Amino acid sequence: MQTTLFDVPKKIKLTKKLKGEFIKKKLGTDMKWIMKAVITIYNQQTEEEKKKSESLVYNCIGFTSFDAAKLTPIAKSIIKHGDTYLNWGYKQTLKARMPKYWKQIFEMCNQEKLIKIMEEEYGHQ
């Protein structure tokens, strides 16, 4: 049986797997996390990729070629206007597409801060 964060007893080691599950969940449900993540991933794109809304360099960094055309303009809008112009459809697109970027977010995030957030949210001590 697969363990989820909801089943995790207190005082457990927060493994990379559990951290990954936590980030994936946040990137599929929490608009604050999603908006910050889409900007973070966008900022990993090359300047040319940002201009063309394409993934031009295969380096496992930034958006995939499938997502670049859709997510680059959304990221630019968030940077410029916040969530003011994010309609329901854009939010659903982000919720569907951003969880796949959990590994990039995991690699870039402050691990101590992540653990603190997880402990606060799930009551770990």
C-alpha atoms as a PDB file:
ATOM      1  CA  MET A   1       0.000   0.000   0.000  1.00  0.00           C
ATOM      2  CA  GLN A   2       1.331   3.429  -0.934  1.00  0.00           C
ATOM      3  CA  THR A   3       1.833   5.910   1.906  1.00  0.00           C
ATOM      4  CA  THR A   4       0.495   9.403   1.410  1.00  0.00           C
ATOM      5  CA  LEU A   5       1.116  12.481   3.502  1.00  0.00           C
ATOM      6  CA  PHE A   6      -2.303  12.031   5.081  1.00  0.00           C
ATOM      7  CA  ASP A   7      -1.205   8.646   6.468  1.00  0.00           C
ATOM      8  CA  VAL A   8       2.168   9.804   7.766  1.00  0.00           C
ATOM      9  CA  PRO A   9       2.544   9.532  11.523  1.00  0.00           C
ATOM     10  CA  LYS A  10       4.150  12.332  13.478  1.00  0.00           C
ATOM     11  CA  LYS A  11       7.942  12.338  13.843  1.00  0.00           C
ATOM     12  CA  ILE A  12       8.692  10.644  10.521  1.00  0.00           C
ATOM     13  CA  LYS A  13      11.652  11.440   8.328  1.00  0.00           C
ATOM     14  CA  LEU A  14      10.438  13.573   5.456  1.00  0.00           C
ATOM     15  CA  THR A  15      12.001  11.686   2.557  1.00  0.00           C
ATOM     16  CA  LYS A  16      12.505  12.977  -0.962  1.00  0.00           C
ATOM     17  CA  LYS A  17       9.513  10.860  -2.030  1.00  0.00           C
ATOM     18  CA  LEU A  18       7.220  12.463   0.560  1.00  0.00           C
ATOM     19  CA  LYS A  19       8.535  15.927  -0.272  1.00  0.00           C
ATOM     20  CA  GLY A  20       7.913  15.226  -3.953  1.00  0.00           C
ATOM     21  CA  GLU A  21       4.348  14.088  -3.268  1.00  0.00           C
ATOM     22  CA  PHE A  22       3.770  17.218  -1.213  1.00  0.00           C
ATOM     23  CA  ILE A  23       5.108  19.509  -3.951  1.00  0.00           C
ATOM     24  CA  LYS A  24       3.101  17.695  -6.659  1.00  0.00           C
ATOM     25  CA  LYS A  25      -0.057  18.087  -4.604  1.00  0.00           C
ATOM     26  CA  LYS A  26       0.603  21.789  -4.057  1.00  0.00           C
ATOM     27  CA  LEU A  27       1.352  22.312  -7.759  1.00  0.00           C
ATOM     28  CA  GLY A  28      -1.986  20.750  -8.642  1.00  0.00           C
ATOM     29  CA  THR A  29      -4.185  22.482  -6.077  1.00  0.00           C
ATOM     30  CA  ASP A  30      -2.698  25.590  -4.461  1.00  0.00           C
ATOM     31  CA  MET A  31      -2.759  28.680  -6.699  1.00  0.00           C
ATOM     32  CA  LYS A  32      -0.179  30.494  -4.557  1.00  0.00           C
ATOM     33  CA  TRP A  33       2.296  27.650  -5.072  1.00  0.00           C
ATOM     34  CA  ILE A  34       1.324  27.270  -8.725  1.00  0.00           C
ATOM     35  CA  MET A  35       1.850  30.942  -9.557  1.00  0.00           C
ATOM     36  CA  LYS A  36       5.218  31.037  -7.816  1.00  0.00           C
ATOM     37  CA  ALA A  37       6.269  27.792  -9.537  1.00  0.00           C
ATOM     38  CA  VAL A  38       5.219  28.860 -13.041  1.00  0.00           C
ATOM     39  CA  ILE A  39       7.267  32.053 -12.652  1.00  0.00           C
ATOM     40  CA  THR A  40      10.220  30.073 -11.267  1.00  0.00           C
ATOM     41  CA  ILE A  41      10.123  27.629 -14.189  1.00  0.00           C
ATOM     42  CA  TYR A  42       9.616  30.485 -16.677  1.00  0.00           C
ATOM     43  CA  ASN A  43      12.729  32.192 -15.291  1.00  0.00           C
ATOM     44  CA  GLN A  44      14.727  29.047 -16.133  1.00  0.00           C
ATOM     45  CA  GLN A  45      13.898  29.473 -19.839  1.00  0.00           C
ATOM     46  CA  THR A  46      16.504  31.084 -22.076  1.00  0.00           C
ATOM     47  CA  GLU A  47      15.767  34.614 -23.288  1.00  0.00           C
ATOM     48  CA  GLU A  48      15.030  33.288 -26.766  1.00  0.00           C
ATOM     49  CA  GLU A  49      12.636  30.671 -25.361  1.00  0.00           C
ATOM     50  CA  LYS A  50      10.847  33.401 -23.412  1.00  0.00           C
ATOM     51  CA  LYS A  51      10.493  35.573 -26.523  1.00  0.00           C
ATOM     52  CA  LYS A  52       9.290  32.753 -28.784  1.00  0.00           C
ATOM     53  CA  SER A  53       7.208  30.869 -26.171  1.00  0.00           C
ATOM     54  CA  GLU A  54       9.003  27.695 -27.221  1.00  0.00           C
ATOM     55  CA  SER A  55      11.371  25.196 -25.676  1.00  0.00           C
ATOM     56  CA  LEU A  56      14.445  25.399 -27.882  1.00  0.00           C
ATOM     57  CA  VAL A  57      17.148  23.816 -25.739  1.00  0.00           C
ATOM     58  CA  TYR A  58      16.838  20.251 -24.486  1.00  0.00           C
ATOM     59  CA  ASN A  59      18.296  20.594 -21.008  1.00  0.00           C
ATOM     60  CA  CYS A  60      15.521  19.339 -18.679  1.00  0.00           C
ATOM     61  CA  ILE A  61      15.188  22.892 -17.373  1.00  0.00           C
ATOM     62  CA  GLY A  62      12.207  25.145 -17.917  1.00  0.00           C
ATOM     63  CA  PHE A  63       9.004  24.205 -19.699  1.00  0.00           C
ATOM     64  CA  THR A  64       8.654  21.206 -21.984  1.00  0.00           C
ATOM     65  CA  SER A  65       8.138  21.886 -25.673  1.00  0.00           C
ATOM     66  CA  PHE A  66       4.488  20.852 -25.239  1.00  0.00           C
ATOM     67  CA  ASP A  67       3.887  23.316 -22.385  1.00  0.00           C
ATOM     68  CA  ALA A  68       6.029  26.270 -23.456  1.00  0.00           C
ATOM     69  CA  ALA A  69       3.522  27.756 -25.919  1.00  0.00           C
ATOM     70  CA  LYS A  70       0.737  27.729 -23.323  1.00  0.00           C
ATOM     71  CA  LEU A  71       2.581  28.374 -20.060  1.00  0.00           C
ATOM     72  CA  THR A  72       5.023  31.071 -21.188  1.00  0.00           C
ATOM     73  CA  PRO A  73       2.280  33.640 -21.932  1.00  0.00           C
ATOM     74  CA  ILE A  74       0.524  32.728 -18.667  1.00  0.00           C
ATOM     75  CA  ALA A  75       3.780  33.234 -16.743  1.00  0.00           C
ATOM     76  CA  LYS A  76       4.338  36.603 -18.445  1.00  0.00           C
ATOM     77  CA  SER A  77       0.792  37.652 -17.508  1.00  0.00           C
ATOM     78  CA  ILE A  78       1.301  36.624 -13.873  1.00  0.00           C
ATOM     79  CA  ILE A  79       4.581  38.568 -13.723  1.00  0.00           C
ATOM     80  CA  LYS A  80       2.915  41.658 -15.174  1.00  0.00           C
ATOM     81  CA  HIS A  81      -0.560  41.522 -13.586  1.00  0.00           C
ATOM     82  CA  GLY A  82      -0.525  38.944 -10.786  1.00  0.00           C
ATOM     83  CA  ASP A  83      -3.571  36.700 -10.947  1.00  0.00           C
ATOM     84  CA  THR A  84      -5.851  39.533 -12.183  1.00  0.00           C
ATOM     85  CA  TYR A  85      -6.293  38.037 -15.666  1.00  0.00           C
ATOM     86  CA  LEU A  86      -6.130  34.370 -14.746  1.00  0.00           C
ATOM     87  CA  ASN A  87      -9.527  33.038 -15.711  1.00  0.00           C
ATOM     88  CA  TRP A  88     -10.903  29.647 -14.700  1.00  0.00           C
ATOM     89  CA  GLY A  89      -9.510  27.991 -17.844  1.00  0.00           C
ATOM     90  CA  TYR A  90      -5.965  29.243 -17.265  1.00  0.00           C
ATOM     91  CA  LYS A  91      -6.118  28.134 -13.635  1.00  0.00           C
ATOM     92  CA  GLN A  92      -7.249  24.666 -14.699  1.00  0.00           C
ATOM     93  CA  THR A  93      -4.445  24.505 -17.282  1.00  0.00           C
ATOM     94  CA  LEU A  94      -1.906  25.397 -14.603  1.00  0.00           C
ATOM     95  CA  LYS A  95      -3.344  22.871 -12.140  1.00  0.00           C
ATOM     96  CA  ALA A  96      -3.141  20.162 -14.782  1.00  0.00           C
ATOM     97  CA  ARG A  97       0.319  20.941 -16.163  1.00  0.00           C
ATOM     98  CA  MET A  98       2.405  22.218 -13.239  1.00  0.00           C
ATOM     99  CA  PRO A  99       2.661  19.038 -11.097  1.00  0.00           C
ATOM    100  CA  LYS A 100       5.075  17.522 -13.650  1.00  0.00           C
ATOM    101  CA  TYR A 101       7.572  20.261 -12.733  1.00  0.00           C
ATOM    102  CA  TRP A 102       7.813  19.134  -9.110  1.00  0.00           C
ATOM    103  CA  LYS A 103      11.386  17.898  -9.529  1.00  0.00           C
ATOM    104  CA  GLN A 104      12.671  21.243 -10.819  1.00  0.00           C
ATOM    105  CA  ILE A 105      10.890  23.040  -7.979  1.00  0.00           C
ATOM    106  CA  PHE A 106      12.259  20.524  -5.468  1.00  0.00           C
ATOM    107  CA  GLU A 107      15.815  21.052  -6.733  1.00  0.00           C
ATOM    108  CA  MET A 108      15.490  24.852  -6.510  1.00  0.00           C
ATOM    109  CA  CYS A 109      13.621  25.197  -3.232  1.00  0.00           C
ATOM    110  CA  ASN A 110      15.031  25.868   0.209  1.00  0.00           C
ATOM    111  CA  GLN A 111      14.847  22.419   1.823  1.00  0.00           C
ATOM    112  CA  GLU A 112      14.655  23.744   5.382  1.00  0.00           C
ATOM    113  CA  LYS A 113      11.761  26.015   4.451  1.00  0.00           C
ATOM    114  CA  LEU A 114      10.006  23.140   2.656  1.00  0.00           C
ATOM    115  CA  ILE A 115      10.304  20.912   5.723  1.00  0.00           C
ATOM    116  CA  LYS A 116       8.969  23.700   7.942  1.00  0.00           C
ATOM    117  CA  ILE A 117       5.960  24.208   5.646  1.00  0.00           C
ATOM    118  CA  MET A 118       5.281  20.480   5.565  1.00  0.00           C
ATOM    119  CA  GLU A 119       5.547  20.211   9.344  1.00  0.00           C
ATOM    120  CA  GLU A 120       3.190  23.154   9.828  1.00  0.00           C
ATOM    121  CA  GLU A 121       0.658  21.831   7.335  1.00  0.00           C
ATOM    122  CA  TYR A 122       0.657  18.240   8.550  1.00  0.00           C
ATOM    123  CA  GLY A 123       1.401  18.769  12.209  1.00  0.00           C
ATOM    124  CA  HIS A 124       4.811  17.040  12.276  1.00  0.00           C
ATOM    125  CA  GLN A 125       7.196  17.861  15.087  1.00  0.00           C
END
